[in-house]
C-alpha atoms as a PDB file:
ATOM      1  CA  MET A   1      11.272 -16.872  -6.988  1.00  0.00           C
ATOM      2  CA  GLN A   2      13.368 -17.160 -10.174  1.00  0.00           C
ATOM      3  CA  GLY A   3      16.197 -18.812  -8.200  1.00  0.00           C
ATOM      4  CA  ASN A   4      13.823 -21.326  -6.660  1.00  0.00           C
ATOM      5  CA  ARG A   5      12.345 -22.127 -10.055  1.00  0.00           C
ATOM      6  CA  GLY A   6      15.831 -22.604 -11.529  1.00  0.00           C
ATOM      7  CA  ALA A   7      16.838 -24.903  -8.648  1.00  0.00           C
ATOM      8  CA  ALA A   8      13.678 -26.926  -9.123  1.00  0.00           C
ATOM      9  CA  LEU A   9      14.329 -27.255 -12.833  1.00  0.00           C
ATOM     10  CA  ARG A  10      17.902 -28.335 -12.202  1.00  0.00           C
ATOM     11  CA  ALA A  11      16.737 -30.924  -9.704  1.00  0.00           C
ATOM     12  CA  VAL A  12      14.179 -32.268 -12.174  1.00  0.00           C
ATOM     13  CA  ALA A  13      16.790 -32.382 -14.951  1.00  0.00           C
ATOM     14  CA  THR A  14      19.241 -34.201 -12.672  1.00  0.00           C
ATOM     15  CA  GLY A  15      16.594 -36.737 -11.705  1.00  0.00           C
ATOM     16  CA  VAL A  16      15.689 -37.328 -15.340  1.00  0.00           C
ATOM     17  CA  LEU A  17      19.383 -37.700 -16.200  1.00  0.00           C
ATOM     18  CA  CYS A  18      19.898 -40.337 -13.491  1.00  0.00           C
ATOM     19  CA  ALA A  19      16.785 -42.180 -14.622  1.00  0.00           C
ATOM     20  CA  VAL A  20      18.008 -42.209 -18.228  1.00  0.00           C
ATOM     21  CA  LEU A  21      21.440 -43.481 -17.232  1.00  0.00           C
ATOM     22  CA  THR A  22      19.963 -46.176 -14.990  1.00  0.00           C
ATOM     23  CA  TRP A  23      17.654 -47.262 -17.782  1.00  0.00           C
ATOM     24  CA  SER A  24      20.512 -47.282 -20.260  1.00  0.00           C
ATOM     25  CA  ALA A  25      22.619 -49.480 -17.937  1.00  0.00           C
ATOM     26  CA  ALA A  26      20.092 -52.324 -17.884  1.00  0.00           C
ATOM     27  CA  PRO A  27      21.771 -55.283 -19.629  1.00  0.00           C
ATOM     28  CA  GLN A  28      18.574 -56.786 -20.930  1.00  0.00           C
ATOM     29  CA  LEU A  29      17.664 -53.794 -23.131  1.00  0.00           C
ATOM     30  CA  ALA A  30      18.362 -53.476 -26.819  1.00  0.00           C
ATOM     31  CA  TRP A  31      20.966 -50.762 -26.133  1.00  0.00           C
ATOM     32  CA  ALA A  32      23.361 -53.548 -25.066  1.00  0.00           C
ATOM     33  CA  GLN A  33      23.685 -54.550 -28.705  1.00  0.00           C
ATOM     34  CA  ALA A  34      26.955 -53.528 -30.403  1.00  0.00           C
ATOM     35  CA  PRO A  35      26.638 -50.336 -32.479  1.00  0.00           C
ATOM     36  CA  ASP A  36      27.364 -50.332 -36.185  1.00  0.00           C
ATOM     37  CA  ALA A  37      30.477 -48.774 -37.730  1.00  0.00           C
ATOM     38  CA  ALA A  38      28.764 -45.471 -38.654  1.00  0.00           C
ATOM     39  CA  THR A  39      27.539 -45.042 -35.093  1.00  0.00           C
ATOM     40  CA  VAL A  40      30.988 -45.735 -33.712  1.00  0.00           C
ATOM     41  CA  ARG A  41      32.531 -43.142 -36.051  1.00  0.00           C
ATOM     42  CA  ARG A  42      29.933 -40.598 -35.014  1.00  0.00           C
ATOM     43  CA  ALA A  43      30.653 -41.304 -31.335  1.00  0.00           C
ATOM     44  CA  GLU A  44      34.422 -40.967 -31.903  1.00  0.00           C
ATOM     45  CA  ALA A  45      33.889 -37.626 -33.662  1.00  0.00           C
ATOM     46  CA  LEU A  46      31.747 -36.346 -30.772  1.00  0.00           C
ATOM     47  CA  ALA A  47      34.348 -37.511 -28.231  1.00  0.00           C
ATOM     48  CA  THR A  48      37.138 -35.757 -30.162  1.00  0.00           C
ATOM     49  CA  GLU A  49      35.097 -32.553 -30.323  1.00  0.00           C
ATOM     50  CA  ALA A  50      34.361 -32.856 -26.601  1.00  0.00           C
ATOM     51  CA  LYS A  51      38.068 -33.145 -25.761  1.00  0.00           C
ATOM     52  CA  LEU A  52      38.847 -30.009 -27.774  1.00  0.00           C
ATOM     53  CA  LEU A  53      36.031 -28.111 -26.015  1.00  0.00           C
ATOM     54  CA  PHE A  54      37.344 -29.313 -22.659  1.00  0.00           C
ATOM     55  CA  GLN A  55      40.818 -28.031 -23.491  1.00  0.00           C
ATOM     56  CA  GLN A  56      39.275 -24.712 -24.493  1.00  0.00           C
ATOM     57  CA  LYS A  57      37.506 -24.645 -21.098  1.00  0.00           C
ATOM     58  CA  ALA A  58      34.075 -24.816 -22.752  1.00  0.00           C
ATOM     59  CA  TYR A  59      33.101 -27.350 -20.127  1.00  0.00           C
ATOM     60  CA  GLU A  60      29.315 -27.320 -20.519  1.00  0.00           C
ATOM     61  CA  GLN A  61      29.522 -27.954 -24.280  1.00  0.00           C
ATOM     62  CA  ALA A  62      32.173 -30.626 -23.735  1.00  0.00           C
ATOM     63  CA  ALA A  63      29.925 -32.428 -21.215  1.00  0.00           C
ATOM     64  CA  GLU A  64      27.053 -32.373 -23.696  1.00  0.00           C
ATOM     65  CA  ARG A  65      29.217 -33.891 -26.445  1.00  0.00           C
ATOM     66  CA  PHE A  66      30.588 -36.614 -24.113  1.00  0.00           C
ATOM     67  CA  PHE A  67      27.083 -37.521 -23.030  1.00  0.00           C
ATOM     68  CA  GLU A  68      25.804 -37.590 -26.616  1.00  0.00           C
ATOM     69  CA  ALA A  69      28.672 -39.887 -27.595  1.00  0.00           C
ATOM     70  CA  TYR A  70      27.785 -42.153 -24.651  1.00  0.00           C
ATOM     71  CA  THR A  71      24.214 -42.497 -25.909  1.00  0.00           C
ATOM     72  CA  LEU A  72      25.656 -43.929 -29.142  1.00  0.00           C
ATOM     73  CA  VAL A  73      28.246 -46.420 -27.918  1.00  0.00           C
ATOM     74  CA  ARG A  74      27.560 -46.827 -24.148  1.00  0.00           C
ATOM     75  CA  LYS A  75      31.197 -46.591 -23.047  1.00  0.00           C
ATOM     76  CA  PRO A  76      31.509 -45.804 -19.297  1.00  0.00           C
ATOM     77  CA  ALA A  77      34.532 -43.541 -19.857  1.00  0.00           C
ATOM     78  CA  LEU A  78      32.302 -41.110 -21.747  1.00  0.00           C
ATOM     79  CA  ILE A  79      30.015 -40.739 -18.733  1.00  0.00           C
ATOM     80  CA  TYR A  80      33.019 -40.202 -16.471  1.00  0.00           C
ATOM     81  CA  ASN A  81      34.362 -37.533 -18.857  1.00  0.00           C
ATOM     82  CA  ALA A  82      30.974 -35.824 -18.972  1.00  0.00           C
ATOM     83  CA  ALA A  83      30.862 -35.767 -15.176  1.00  0.00           C
ATOM     84  CA  ARG A  84      34.388 -34.284 -15.054  1.00  0.00           C
ATOM     85  CA  ALA A  85      33.382 -31.598 -17.541  1.00  0.00           C
ATOM     86  CA  TYR A  86      30.316 -30.671 -15.468  1.00  0.00           C
ATOM     87  CA  GLU A  87      32.520 -30.614 -12.374  1.00  0.00           C
ATOM     88  CA  GLU A  88      34.903 -28.136 -14.016  1.00  0.00           C
ATOM     89  CA  ALA A  89      31.925 -26.050 -15.205  1.00  0.00           C
ATOM     90  CA  GLY A  90      30.680 -25.773 -11.622  1.00  0.00           C
ATOM     91  CA  ASN A  91      27.439 -27.622 -12.437  1.00  0.00           C
ATOM     92  CA  VAL A  92      27.529 -29.590  -9.184  1.00  0.00           C
ATOM     93  CA  GLU A  93      24.067 -31.140  -9.548  1.00  0.00           C
ATOM     94  CA  ARG A  94      24.844 -32.785 -12.905  1.00  0.00           C
ATOM     95  CA  ALA A  95      28.362 -33.737 -11.922  1.00  0.00           C
ATOM     96  CA  VAL A  96      27.021 -35.586  -8.845  1.00  0.00           C
ATOM     97  CA  ALA A  97      24.325 -37.266 -10.921  1.00  0.00           C
ATOM     98  CA  LEU A  98      26.772 -38.497 -13.586  1.00  0.00           C
ATOM     99  CA  PHE A  99      29.409 -39.699 -11.109  1.00  0.00           C
ATOM    100  CA  LYS A 100      26.712 -41.684  -9.288  1.00  0.00           C
ATOM    101  CA  ALA A 101      25.435 -43.048 -12.592  1.00  0.00           C
ATOM    102  CA  TYR A 102      28.986 -44.024 -13.524  1.00  0.00           C
ATOM    103  CA  GLN A 103      29.359 -45.946 -10.270  1.00  0.00           C
ATOM    104  CA  GLY A 104      26.208 -47.868 -11.132  1.00  0.00           C
ATOM    105  CA  LEU A 105      27.431 -49.021 -14.541  1.00  0.00           C
ATOM    106  CA  PRO A 106      28.317 -52.763 -14.387  1.00  0.00           C
ATOM    107  CA  ASP A 107      31.106 -52.480 -16.962  1.00  0.00           C
ATOM    108  CA  ALA A 108      32.853 -49.499 -15.362  1.00  0.00           C
ATOM    109  CA  PRO A 109      36.355 -50.328 -13.993  1.00  0.00           C
ATOM    110  CA  LYS A 110      36.862 -50.512 -10.238  1.00  0.00           C
ATOM    111  CA  ASP A 111      39.587 -47.875 -10.183  1.00  0.00           C
ATOM    112  CA  GLY A 112      37.287 -45.530 -12.118  1.00  0.00           C
ATOM    113  CA  LYS A 113      34.504 -46.106  -9.633  1.00  0.00           C
ATOM    114  CA  ALA A 114      36.901 -45.460  -6.770  1.00  0.00           C
ATOM    115  CA  GLU A 115      37.976 -42.187  -8.378  1.00  0.00           C
ATOM    116  CA  ALA A 116      34.319 -41.215  -8.929  1.00  0.00           C
ATOM    117  CA  LYS A 117      33.624 -41.943  -5.257  1.00  0.00           C
ATOM    118  CA  ARG A 118      36.559 -39.774  -4.204  1.00  0.00           C
ATOM    119  CA  ARG A 119      35.352 -36.887  -6.344  1.00  0.00           C
ATOM    120  CA  LEU A 120      31.798 -37.239  -5.076  1.00  0.00           C
ATOM    121  CA  ILE A 121      32.787 -36.419  -1.469  1.00  0.00           C
ATOM    122  CA  PRO A 122      33.507 -32.676  -1.960  1.00  0.00           C
ATOM    123  CA  LEU A 123      30.839 -32.380  -4.659  1.00  0.00           C
ATOM    124  CA  GLU A 124      28.074 -33.762  -2.412  1.00  0.00           C
ATOM    125  CA  ALA A 125      29.264 -31.500   0.420  1.00  0.00           C
ATOM    126  CA  GLU A 126      29.070 -28.491  -1.896  1.00  0.00           C
ATOM    127  CA  LEU A 127      25.670 -29.630  -3.139  1.00  0.00           C
ATOM    128  CA  GLY A 128      24.467 -29.865   0.455  1.00  0.00           C
ATOM    129  CA  ARG A 129      25.704 -26.359   1.169  1.00  0.00           C
ATOM    130  CA  ARG A 130      23.985 -25.000  -1.903  1.00  0.00           C
ATOM    131  CA  GLN A 131      20.736 -26.727  -1.046  1.00  0.00           C
ATOM    132  CA  ALA A 132      20.915 -25.406   2.529  1.00  0.00           C
ATOM    133  CA  ALA A 133      21.637 -21.893   1.232  1.00  0.00           C
ATOM    134  CA  ALA A 134      18.743 -22.144  -1.220  1.00  0.00           C
ATOM    135  CA  ALA A 135      16.439 -23.330   1.563  1.00  0.00           C
ATOM    136  CA  ALA A 136      17.585 -20.481   3.843  1.00  0.00           C
ATOM    137  CA  LYS A 137      17.073 -17.983   1.031  1.00  0.00           C
ATOM    138  CA  GLU A 138      13.602 -19.338   0.406  1.00  0.00           C
ATOM    139  CA  GLN A 139      12.755 -19.068   4.101  1.00  0.00           C
ATOM    140  CA  ALA A 140      14.094 -15.500   4.233  1.00  0.00           C
ATOM    141  CA  GLU A 141      12.054 -14.590   1.172  1.00  0.00           C
ATOM    142  CA  ALA A 142       8.934 -16.096   2.731  1.00  0.00           C
ATOM    143  CA  ALA A 143       9.596 -14.184   5.962  1.00  0.00           C
ATOM    144  CA  ARG A 144      10.133 -10.949   4.022  1.00  0.00           C
ATOM    145  CA  LYS A 145       6.864 -11.385   2.138  1.00  0.00           C
ATOM    146  CA  ALA A 146       5.039 -12.183   5.385  1.00  0.00           C
ATOM    147  CA  ALA A 147       6.482  -9.029   6.980  1.00  0.00           C
ATOM    148  CA  GLU A 148       5.488  -6.939   3.956  1.00  0.00           C
ATOM    149  CA  ALA A 149       1.970  -8.364   4.054  1.00  0.00           C
ATOM    150  CA  LYS A 150       1.732  -7.630   7.779  1.00  0.00           C
ATOM    151  CA  ALA A 151       2.995  -4.058   7.263  1.00  0.00           C
ATOM    152  CA  ALA A 152       0.548  -3.526   4.408  1.00  0.00           C
ATOM    153  CA  ALA A 153      -2.324  -4.785   6.557  1.00  0.00           C
ATOM    154  CA  ALA A 154      -1.302  -2.516   9.429  1.00  0.00           C
ATOM    155  CA  LYS A 155      -1.073   0.444   7.062  1.00  0.00           C
ATOM    156  CA  ALA A 156      -4.509  -0.313   5.640  1.00  0.00           C
ATOM    157  CA  ARG A 157      -5.951  -0.509   9.150  1.00  0.00           C
ATOM    158  CA  ALA A 158      -4.310   2.785  10.125  1.00  0.00           C
ATOM    159  CA  GLU A 159      -5.660   4.496   7.003  1.00  0.00           C
ATOM    160  CA  GLN A 160      -9.126   3.106   7.677  1.00  0.00           C
ATOM    161  CA  GLN A 161      -8.992   4.335  11.282  1.00  0.00           C
ATOM    162  CA  GLU A 162      -7.794   7.772  10.154  1.00  0.00           C
ATOM    163  CA  THR A 163     -10.608   7.983   7.618  1.00  0.00           C
ATOM    164  CA  GLU A 164     -13.140   6.990  10.257  1.00  0.00           C
ATOM    165  CA  ARG A 165     -11.778   9.593  12.678  1.00  0.00           C
ATOM    166  CA  ALA A 166     -11.975  12.276  10.007  1.00  0.00           C
ATOM    167  CA  ARG A 167     -15.574  11.284   9.245  1.00  0.00           C
ATOM    168  CA  GLN A 168     -16.483  11.412  12.942  1.00  0.00           C
ATOM    169  CA  ASP A 169     -14.829  14.826  13.316  1.00  0.00           C
ATOM    170  CA  ARG A 170     -16.737  16.137  10.317  1.00  0.00           C
ATOM    171  CA  VAL A 171     -20.048  14.767  11.608  1.00  0.00           C
ATOM    172  CA  ALA A 172     -19.374  16.279  15.052  1.00  0.00           C
ATOM    173  CA  ALA A 173     -18.554  19.676  13.526  1.00  0.00           C
ATOM    174  CA  GLU A 174     -21.696  19.600  11.408  1.00  0.00           C
ATOM    175  CA  ARG A 175     -23.745  18.617  14.480  1.00  0.00           C
ATOM    176  CA  GLU A 176     -22.243  21.492  16.493  1.00  0.00           C
ATOM    177  CA  ALA A 177     -22.938  23.962  13.687  1.00  0.00           C
ATOM    178  CA  ALA A 178     -26.534  22.748  13.407  1.00  0.00           C
ATOM    179  CA  GLU A 179     -26.993  23.018  17.193  1.00  0.00           C
ATOM    180  CA  ALA A 180     -25.589  26.554  17.213  1.00  0.00           C
ATOM    181  CA  ALA A 181     -27.946  27.548  14.381  1.00  0.00           C
ATOM    182  CA  ARG A 182     -30.892  25.982  16.231  1.00  0.00           C
ATOM    183  CA  LYS A 183     -30.037  27.912  19.394  1.00  0.00           C
ATOM    184  CA  ARG A 184     -29.770  31.170  17.478  1.00  0.00           C
ATOM    185  CA  ALA A 185     -33.118  30.539  15.805  1.00  0.00           C
ATOM    186  CA  GLU A 186     -34.674  29.689  19.177  1.00  0.00           C
ATOM    187  CA  ALA A 187     -33.300  32.872  20.744  1.00  0.00           C
ATOM    188  CA  GLU A 188     -34.659  34.942  17.884  1.00  0.00           C
ATOM    189  CA  ARG A 189     -38.070  33.275  18.160  1.00  0.00           C
ATOM    190  CA  LYS A 190     -38.257  33.905  21.909  1.00  0.00           C
ATOM    191  CA  ALA A 191     -37.241  37.531  21.404  1.00  0.00           C
ATOM    192  CA  ARG A 192     -40.026  38.030  18.846  1.00  0.00           C
ATOM    193  CA  GLU A 193     -42.558  36.345  21.093  1.00  0.00           C
ATOM    194  CA  GLN A 194     -41.511  38.527  24.016  1.00  0.00           C
ATOM    195  CA  LEU A 195     -41.986  41.652  21.919  1.00  0.00           C
ATOM    196  CA  GLN A 196     -45.378  40.545  20.699  1.00  0.00           C
ATOM    197  CA  SER A 197     -46.694  39.445  24.116  1.00  0.00           C
ATOM    198  CA  ARG A 198     -45.650  42.529  26.135  1.00  0.00           C
ATOM    199  CA  LYS A 199     -48.775  44.440  27.288  1.00  0.00           C
ATOM    200  CA  ARG A 200     -48.945  48.195  26.934  1.00  0.00           C
ATOM    201  CA  PRO A 201     -51.275  50.681  28.810  1.00  0.00           C
ATOM    202  CA  ILE A 202     -54.403  51.675  26.882  1.00  0.00           C
ATOM    203  CA  GLY A 203     -56.142  55.062  27.049  1.00  0.00           C
ATOM    204  CA  THR A 204     -54.234  58.184  27.894  1.00  0.00           C
ATOM    205  CA  VAL A 205     -50.870  56.850  26.851  1.00  0.00           C
ATOM    206  CA  GLN A 206     -49.580  57.924  23.458  1.00  0.00           C
ATOM    207  CA  ALA A 207     -48.753  54.801  21.475  1.00  0.00           C
ATOM    208  CA  ALA A 208     -45.256  54.641  20.131  1.00  0.00           C
ATOM    209  CA  PRO A 209     -44.900  54.324  16.385  1.00  0.00           C
ATOM    210  CA  GLU A 210     -44.401  50.742  15.241  1.00  0.00           C
ATOM    211  CA  ARG A 211     -40.981  49.856  13.949  1.00  0.00           C
ATOM    212  CA  GLY A 212     -39.993  47.262  11.412  1.00  0.00           C
ATOM    213  CA  LEU A 213     -37.570  44.382  12.005  1.00  0.00           C
ATOM    214  CA  PRO A 214     -33.890  45.301  12.473  1.00  0.00           C
ATOM    215  CA  TRP A 215     -32.812  43.950   9.087  1.00  0.00           C
ATOM    216  CA  ALA A 216     -29.264  45.254   9.301  1.00  0.00           C
ATOM    217  CA  PRO A 217     -28.181  43.152  12.326  1.00  0.00           C
ATOM    218  CA  ILE A 218     -30.262  40.226  11.082  1.00  0.00           C
ATOM    219  CA  GLY A 219     -28.571  40.323   7.684  1.00  0.00           C
ATOM    220  CA  ALA A 220     -25.121  40.713   9.231  1.00  0.00           C
ATOM    221  CA  THR A 221     -25.711  37.755  11.591  1.00  0.00           C
ATOM    222  CA  ALA A 222     -27.063  35.490   8.851  1.00  0.00           C
ATOM    223  CA  GLY A 223     -24.395  36.473   6.326  1.00  0.00           C
ATOM    224  CA  ALA A 224     -21.522  35.932   8.758  1.00  0.00           C
ATOM    225  CA  ALA A 225     -22.980  32.583   9.848  1.00  0.00           C
ATOM    226  CA  ILE A 226     -23.268  31.423   6.215  1.00  0.00           C
ATOM    227  CA  VAL A 227     -19.700  32.505   5.459  1.00  0.00           C
ATOM    228  CA  SER A 228     -18.448  30.725   8.576  1.00  0.00           C
ATOM    229  CA  GLY A 229     -20.286  27.519   7.687  1.00  0.00           C
ATOM    230  CA  VAL A 230     -19.084  27.563   4.063  1.00  0.00           C
ATOM    231  CA  PHE A 231     -15.430  28.055   5.010  1.00  0.00           C
ATOM    232  CA  PHE A 232     -15.643  25.421   7.740  1.00  0.00           C
ATOM    233  CA  ALA A 233     -16.938  22.958   5.121  1.00  0.00           C
ATOM    234  CA  LEU A 234     -14.122  23.936   2.728  1.00  0.00           C
ATOM    235  CA  ALA A 235     -11.571  23.516   5.526  1.00  0.00           C
ATOM    236  CA  PHE A 236     -12.835  20.004   6.300  1.00  0.00           C
ATOM    237  CA  ASP A 237     -12.730  19.045   2.608  1.00  0.00           C
ATOM    238  CA  GLU A 238      -9.128  20.277   2.226  1.00  0.00           C
ATOM    239  CA  ALA A 239      -8.111  18.487   5.457  1.00  0.00           C
ATOM    240  CA  ASP A 240      -9.679  15.252   4.166  1.00  0.00           C
ATOM    241  CA  ALA A 241      -7.782  15.604   0.886  1.00  0.00           C
ATOM    242  CA  ALA A 242      -4.493  16.131   2.768  1.00  0.00           C
ATOM    243  CA  ARG A 243      -5.066  13.113   5.063  1.00  0.00           C
ATOM    244  CA  THR A 244      -5.924  10.943   2.056  1.00  0.00           C
ATOM    245  CA  MET A 245      -2.532  11.758   0.480  1.00  0.00           C
ATOM    246  CA  GLU A 246      -0.536  11.011   3.668  1.00  0.00           C
ATOM    247  CA  GLY A 247       1.662   7.932   3.228  1.00  0.00           C
ATOM    248  CA  ASN A 248       1.438   8.124  -0.618  1.00  0.00           C
ATOM    249  CA  LEU A 249       3.847  11.027  -1.310  1.00  0.00           C
ATOM    250  CA  ARG A 250       5.999   9.476  -4.048  1.00  0.00           C
ATOM    251  CA  SER A 251       7.044  12.618  -5.894  1.00  0.00           C
ATOM    252  CA  ASP A 252       7.650  16.336  -5.399  1.00  0.00           C
ATOM    253  CA  ALA A 253       4.364  17.053  -7.180  1.00  0.00           C
ATOM    254  CA  ASP A 254       2.533  14.890  -4.628  1.00  0.00           C
ATOM    255  CA  LYS A 255       4.257  16.771  -1.780  1.00  0.00           C
ATOM    256  CA  GLN A 256       3.366  20.154  -3.286  1.00  0.00           C
ATOM    257  CA  GLU A 257      -0.263  19.084  -3.723  1.00  0.00           C
ATOM    258  CA  TYR A 258      -0.353  17.781  -0.122  1.00  0.00           C
ATOM    259  CA  LEU A 259       1.089  21.067   1.215  1.00  0.00           C
ATOM    260  CA  GLY A 260      -1.408  23.005  -0.906  1.00  0.00           C
ATOM    261  CA  HIS A 261      -4.326  21.105   0.623  1.00  0.00           C
ATOM    262  CA  ALA A 262      -2.934  21.591   4.157  1.00  0.00           C
ATOM    263  CA  ASP A 263      -2.394  25.358   3.641  1.00  0.00           C
ATOM    264  CA  ALA A 264      -5.869  25.729   2.142  1.00  0.00           C
ATOM    265  CA  ALA A 265      -7.372  23.865   5.124  1.00  0.00           C
ATOM    266  CA  ARG A 266      -5.631  26.178   7.602  1.00  0.00           C
ATOM    267  CA  ARG A 267      -6.548  29.277   5.606  1.00  0.00           C
ATOM    268  CA  ASN A 268     -10.211  28.304   5.282  1.00  0.00           C
ATOM    269  CA  GLN A 269     -10.351  27.410   8.969  1.00  0.00           C
ATOM    270  CA  ALA A 270      -8.929  30.816   9.937  1.00  0.00           C
ATOM    271  CA  ILE A 271     -11.498  32.569   7.719  1.00  0.00           C
ATOM    272  CA  ALA A 272     -14.272  30.424   9.193  1.00  0.00           C
ATOM    273  CA  TRP A 273     -13.234  31.288  12.752  1.00  0.00           C
ATOM    274  CA  GLY A 274     -13.071  34.970  11.815  1.00  0.00           C
ATOM    275  CA  ALA A 275     -16.548  34.784  10.295  1.00  0.00           C
ATOM    276  CA  GLY A 276     -17.705  32.980  13.448  1.00  0.00           C
ATOM    277  CA  VAL A 277     -16.443  35.862  15.572  1.00  0.00           C
ATOM    278  CA  VAL A 278     -18.259  38.287  13.285  1.00  0.00           C
ATOM    279  CA  THR A 279     -21.386  36.141  13.609  1.00  0.00           C
ATOM    280  CA  VAL A 280     -21.218  36.343  17.415  1.00  0.00           C
ATOM    281  CA  GLY A 281     -20.740  40.123  17.236  1.00  0.00           C
ATOM    282  CA  ALA A 282     -23.627  40.562  14.771  1.00  0.00           C
ATOM    283  CA  ALA A 283     -25.845  38.382  16.953  1.00  0.00           C
ATOM    284  CA  GLY A 284     -25.013  40.577  19.948  1.00  0.00           C
ATOM    285  CA  TRP A 285     -25.865  43.631  17.863  1.00  0.00           C
ATOM    286  CA  LEU A 286     -29.201  42.067  16.930  1.00  0.00           C
ATOM    287  CA  VAL A 287     -30.078  41.244  20.540  1.00  0.00           C
ATOM    288  CA  TRP A 288     -29.048  44.733  21.670  1.00  0.00           C
ATOM    289  CA  THR A 289     -31.244  46.278  18.948  1.00  0.00           C
ATOM    290  CA  LEU A 290     -34.226  44.161  19.921  1.00  0.00           C
ATOM    291  CA  LEU A 291     -33.806  45.067  23.596  1.00  0.00           C
ATOM    292  CA  GLN A 292     -33.556  48.733  22.691  1.00  0.00           C
ATOM    293  CA  GLU A 293     -36.828  48.522  20.783  1.00  0.00           C
ATOM    294  CA  ASP A 294     -38.487  46.938  23.847  1.00  0.00           C
ATOM    295  CA  ALA A 295     -37.014  49.435  26.410  1.00  0.00           C
ATOM    296  CA  PRO A 296     -39.311  51.975  28.121  1.00  0.00           C
ATOM    297  CA  ARG A 297     -39.649  55.213  26.211  1.00  0.00           C
ATOM    298  CA  ALA A 298     -40.755  58.669  27.501  1.00  0.00           C
ATOM    299  CA  ALA A 299     -43.703  60.552  26.012  1.00  0.00           C
ATOM    300  CA  LEU A 300     -45.343  63.831  26.871  1.00  0.00           C
ATOM    301  CA  LEU A 301     -49.124  63.576  27.503  1.00  0.00           C
ATOM    302  CA  PRO A 302     -51.615  66.461  27.845  1.00  0.00           C
ATOM    303  CA  ALA A 303     -52.899  67.127  31.436  1.00  0.00           C
ATOM    304  CA  PRO A 304     -56.343  68.516  32.307  1.00  0.00           C
ATOM    305  CA  GLN A 305     -54.923  71.846  33.529  1.00  0.00           C
ATOM    306  CA  GLY A 306     -52.742  72.262  30.425  1.00  0.00           C
ATOM    307  CA  ALA A 307     -49.571  71.143  32.183  1.00  0.00           C
ATOM    308  CA  GLN A 308     -47.437  68.448  30.770  1.00  0.00           C
ATOM    309  CA  LEU A 309     -46.783  65.145  32.549  1.00  0.00           C
ATOM    310  CA  LEU A 310     -43.872  62.852  31.827  1.00  0.00           C
ATOM    311  CA  VAL A 311     -45.275  59.305  31.698  1.00  0.00           C
ATOM    312  CA  ARG A 312     -43.080  56.171  31.360  1.00  0.00           C
ATOM    313  CA  PHE A 313     -44.458  53.232  29.407  1.00  0.00           C
END
């Protein structure tokens, strides 16, 4: 961008310079009047200084002094010298502009114009090459920026898709956990209803003592389920944090934090699965306990003759 701006500024300056020289060459303007003695002395001093600068290879400064002297006395040789100084300085744009302006001066000698034309041939070729290189560079820069924009858009889409997948996975896991809890609650409700609705013989049968709820397996099942759910939630949170940092690891600290989140996710998931296994085992214990409470039990009942009968109920 800075190179393009500099090329544009040089082109504008060259255009302005040509316009000034063309304007100054018009014979009907007041500049055609002969300068006074003080102006001539000032122009001669500037030309002398320009020659010394040229000999010292300070070509840019020499060109400026030649051009300033020309603005005072309007001698074509000063424009030619300024163009030569810019040529030596490698300022092709200004050298081309001044040689062309020199050719357009009506009082410039024919041999000088011929020499300016000869020097313009390689200068214009070089100027064309520079302009082509600048255009190619500008096109390459535009292509690079377009590629970067495309890559950034693709990365943003990938991150958005990854975030959406993580959200869907989390929602699915929460739905599965809720469904499992509902099924457990439904199984417990049916077991209680079955115990309450079972009919027992009335009369000679000795009623079994009522028992309370099996709180130990119930507590173990509920506690293990809660632990499993909590660690599953922690595992999902750590996994989300790790996925969010993917693609933005710019330092060792970022990498360490990313690895910490990933390790925590795996550790919490392992604990959650272990608690899930414990939950299944505790649930089996609870069902087994409930079935044992509902199983037939033996009781000894008194018989009319004093014997004892074993009755199943």
